[in-house]
Amino acid sequence: MIRVDQIWLAVEPMDMRAGPDTALARVVKDFGAAHPHHAYVFANKRANRMKILVHDGLGVWLAARRLNQGRFVWPRAGQIRIELTDEQLKALVIGLPWHRIGDGGIIDVI
């Protein structure tokens, strides 16, 4: 089991042809460094493909996911990166509106 303490979502799209070295370079560019036990999530322009780079403390893992239909719910330009919870990542990976889970789902105005 790979331990992940924090999950970061990169808003800007990444070329899905990127391998582990290119993805790691992108993490260092966007996040300053690849921290142990952190996961970094990227999508392509059309938001139908996703890659997750995880630094396990010894090396890096790169996983890919592709949707055959539809798109991942991905934020538009603005922030460079967003921190996700485990529940938000699970929703994102299956294509659900992850931004409504947790504090994003709070109703505070009537």
C-alpha atoms as a PDB file:
ATOM      1  CA  MET A   1       0.000   0.000   0.000  1.00  0.00           C
ATOM      2  CA  ILE A   2       1.362   3.411  -0.962  1.00  0.00           C
ATOM      3  CA  ARG A   3       0.928   6.006   1.785  1.00  0.00           C
ATOM      4  CA  VAL A   4      -0.423   9.366   0.602  1.00  0.00           C
ATOM      5  CA  ASP A   5      -0.695  12.188   3.132  1.00  0.00           C
ATOM      6  CA  GLN A   6      -1.593  15.056   0.791  1.00  0.00           C
ATOM      7  CA  ILE A   7      -3.143  15.227  -2.665  1.00  0.00           C
ATOM      8  CA  TRP A   8      -2.556  18.159  -4.999  1.00  0.00           C
ATOM      9  CA  LEU A   9      -4.488  18.941  -8.179  1.00  0.00           C
ATOM     10  CA  ALA A  10      -2.707  20.853 -10.948  1.00  0.00           C
ATOM     11  CA  VAL A  11      -5.156  23.069 -12.822  1.00  0.00           C
ATOM     12  CA  GLU A  12      -3.137  23.574 -16.017  1.00  0.00           C
ATOM     13  CA  PRO A  13      -3.340  20.661 -18.496  1.00  0.00           C
ATOM     14  CA  MET A  14      -0.439  18.267 -19.061  1.00  0.00           C
ATOM     15  CA  ASP A  15       0.497  16.324 -22.181  1.00  0.00           C
ATOM     16  CA  MET A  16      -0.532  12.742 -21.428  1.00  0.00           C
ATOM     17  CA  ARG A  17       2.463  11.408 -23.374  1.00  0.00           C
ATOM     18  CA  ALA A  18       4.556  12.518 -20.369  1.00  0.00           C
ATOM     19  CA  GLY A  19       6.416   9.745 -18.601  1.00  0.00           C
ATOM     20  CA  PRO A  20       7.583   9.701 -14.980  1.00  0.00           C
ATOM     21  CA  ASP A  21      10.537  12.054 -15.543  1.00  0.00           C
ATOM     22  CA  THR A  22       8.509  14.663 -17.421  1.00  0.00           C
ATOM     23  CA  ALA A  23       5.676  14.457 -14.877  1.00  0.00           C
ATOM     24  CA  LEU A  24       8.197  14.825 -12.037  1.00  0.00           C
ATOM     25  CA  ALA A  25       9.710  17.891 -13.738  1.00  0.00           C
ATOM     26  CA  ARG A  26       6.210  19.363 -14.018  1.00  0.00           C
ATOM     27  CA  VAL A  27       5.592  18.736 -10.284  1.00  0.00           C
ATOM     28  CA  VAL A  28       8.838  20.514  -9.388  1.00  0.00           C
ATOM     29  CA  LYS A  29       7.943  23.422 -11.708  1.00  0.00           C
ATOM     30  CA  ASP A  30       4.348  23.834 -10.459  1.00  0.00           C
ATOM     31  CA  PHE A  31       4.695  22.833  -6.799  1.00  0.00           C
ATOM     32  CA  GLY A  32       8.318  23.690  -6.027  1.00  0.00           C
ATOM     33  CA  ALA A  33       9.292  20.106  -5.099  1.00  0.00           C
ATOM     34  CA  ALA A  34       7.961  16.568  -5.017  1.00  0.00           C
ATOM     35  CA  HIS A  35       7.389  15.838  -1.331  1.00  0.00           C
ATOM     36  CA  PRO A  36       7.385  12.287   0.069  1.00  0.00           C
ATOM     37  CA  HIS A  37       3.915  10.803   0.510  1.00  0.00           C
ATOM     38  CA  HIS A  38       2.269  13.440  -1.673  1.00  0.00           C
ATOM     39  CA  ALA A  39       0.224  12.753  -4.817  1.00  0.00           C
ATOM     40  CA  TYR A  40       0.014  15.169  -7.757  1.00  0.00           C
ATOM     41  CA  VAL A  41      -2.948  14.936 -10.131  1.00  0.00           C
ATOM     42  CA  PHE A  42      -2.902  16.184 -13.740  1.00  0.00           C
ATOM     43  CA  ALA A  43      -5.359  16.051 -16.655  1.00  0.00           C
ATOM     44  CA  ASN A  44      -5.122  16.679 -20.368  1.00  0.00           C
ATOM     45  CA  LYS A  45      -6.821  19.627 -22.153  1.00  0.00           C
ATOM     46  CA  ARG A  46     -10.040  17.728 -22.811  1.00  0.00           C
ATOM     47  CA  ALA A  47     -10.111  16.425 -19.202  1.00  0.00           C
ATOM     48  CA  ASN A  48     -10.822  12.865 -20.305  1.00  0.00           C
ATOM     49  CA  ARG A  49      -7.405  11.547 -19.234  1.00  0.00           C
ATOM     50  CA  MET A  50      -5.663  11.859 -15.898  1.00  0.00           C
ATOM     51  CA  LYS A  51      -2.229  11.029 -14.491  1.00  0.00           C
ATOM     52  CA  ILE A  52      -1.287  10.851 -10.837  1.00  0.00           C
ATOM     53  CA  LEU A  53       2.325  11.011  -9.730  1.00  0.00           C
ATOM     54  CA  VAL A  54       3.023   9.753  -6.200  1.00  0.00           C
ATOM     55  CA  HIS A  55       6.331  10.125  -4.360  1.00  0.00           C
ATOM     56  CA  ASP A  56       6.479   7.187  -1.925  1.00  0.00           C
ATOM     57  CA  GLY A  57       9.626   8.345  -0.137  1.00  0.00           C
ATOM     58  CA  LEU A  58      11.953   6.179  -2.230  1.00  0.00           C
ATOM     59  CA  GLY A  59      10.882   6.867  -5.800  1.00  0.00           C
ATOM     60  CA  VAL A  60       7.892   7.871  -7.868  1.00  0.00           C
ATOM     61  CA  TRP A  61       4.830   6.048  -9.179  1.00  0.00           C
ATOM     62  CA  LEU A  62       2.890   7.281 -12.205  1.00  0.00           C
ATOM     63  CA  ALA A  63      -0.668   6.049 -12.742  1.00  0.00           C
ATOM     64  CA  ALA A  64      -2.973   6.864 -15.656  1.00  0.00           C
ATOM     65  CA  ARG A  65      -6.758   6.846 -16.011  1.00  0.00           C
ATOM     66  CA  ARG A  66      -8.880   7.401 -19.109  1.00  0.00           C
ATOM     67  CA  LEU A  67     -12.632   7.897 -19.347  1.00  0.00           C
ATOM     68  CA  ASN A  68     -14.240   6.256 -22.376  1.00  0.00           C
ATOM     69  CA  GLN A  69     -17.161   8.694 -22.157  1.00  0.00           C
ATOM     70  CA  GLY A  70     -17.519  12.098 -20.565  1.00  0.00           C
ATOM     71  CA  ARG A  71     -14.897  14.168 -18.784  1.00  0.00           C
ATOM     72  CA  PHE A  72     -13.410  14.617 -15.368  1.00  0.00           C
ATOM     73  CA  VAL A  73     -14.737  17.605 -13.437  1.00  0.00           C
ATOM     74  CA  TRP A  74     -11.722  19.893 -13.688  1.00  0.00           C
ATOM     75  CA  PRO A  75     -11.342  23.477 -12.470  1.00  0.00           C
ATOM     76  CA  ARG A  76     -10.703  26.235 -14.978  1.00  0.00           C
ATOM     77  CA  ALA A  77      -7.775  28.647 -14.930  1.00  0.00           C
ATOM     78  CA  GLY A  78      -7.227  30.692 -11.812  1.00  0.00           C
ATOM     79  CA  GLN A  79      -5.419  28.770  -9.119  1.00  0.00           C
ATOM     80  CA  ILE A  80      -2.262  26.898 -10.032  1.00  0.00           C
ATOM     81  CA  ARG A  81      -2.921  24.063  -7.608  1.00  0.00           C
ATOM     82  CA  ILE A  82      -5.636  22.823  -5.275  1.00  0.00           C
ATOM     83  CA  GLU A  83      -5.356  20.490  -2.283  1.00  0.00           C
ATOM     84  CA  LEU A  84      -7.821  17.573  -2.333  1.00  0.00           C
ATOM     85  CA  THR A  85      -9.102  15.257   0.371  1.00  0.00           C
ATOM     86  CA  ASP A  86      -9.186  11.471  -0.063  1.00  0.00           C
ATOM     87  CA  GLU A  87     -12.961  11.616  -0.627  1.00  0.00           C
ATOM     88  CA  GLN A  88     -12.583  14.328  -3.272  1.00  0.00           C
ATOM     89  CA  LEU A  89      -9.940  12.284  -5.127  1.00  0.00           C
ATOM     90  CA  LYS A  90     -12.178   9.204  -5.109  1.00  0.00           C
ATOM     91  CA  ALA A  91     -15.028  11.277  -6.585  1.00  0.00           C
ATOM     92  CA  LEU A  92     -12.729  12.912  -9.154  1.00  0.00           C
ATOM     93  CA  VAL A  93     -11.360   9.578 -10.386  1.00  0.00           C
ATOM     94  CA  ILE A  94     -14.844   8.258 -11.177  1.00  0.00           C
ATOM     95  CA  GLY A  95     -15.984  11.535 -12.762  1.00  0.00           C
ATOM     96  CA  LEU A  96     -18.196  12.960  -9.997  1.00  0.00           C
ATOM     97  CA  PRO A  97     -18.295  16.653  -8.983  1.00  0.00           C
ATOM     98  CA  TRP A  98     -15.529  16.408  -6.360  1.00  0.00           C
ATOM     99  CA  HIS A  99     -15.643  20.131  -5.553  1.00  0.00           C
ATOM    100  CA  ARG A 100     -19.035  19.652  -3.846  1.00  0.00           C
ATOM    101  CA  ILE A 101     -17.676  17.138  -1.329  1.00  0.00           C
ATOM    102  CA  GLY A 102     -16.499  18.361   2.076  1.00  0.00           C
ATOM    103  CA  ASP A 103     -16.431  22.114   2.698  1.00  0.00           C
ATOM    104  CA  GLY A 104     -17.533  22.772  -0.914  1.00  0.00           C
ATOM    105  CA  GLY A 105     -20.933  21.235  -0.120  1.00  0.00           C
ATOM    106  CA  ILE A 106     -21.683  23.517   2.827  1.00  0.00           C
ATOM    107  CA  ILE A 107     -24.765  25.706   2.416  1.00  0.00           C
ATOM    108  CA  ASP A 108     -24.319  28.903   4.376  1.00  0.00           C
ATOM    109  CA  VAL A 109     -26.642  31.358   2.575  1.00  0.00           C
ATOM    110  CA  ILE A 110     -30.421  31.074   2.347  1.00  0.00           C
END
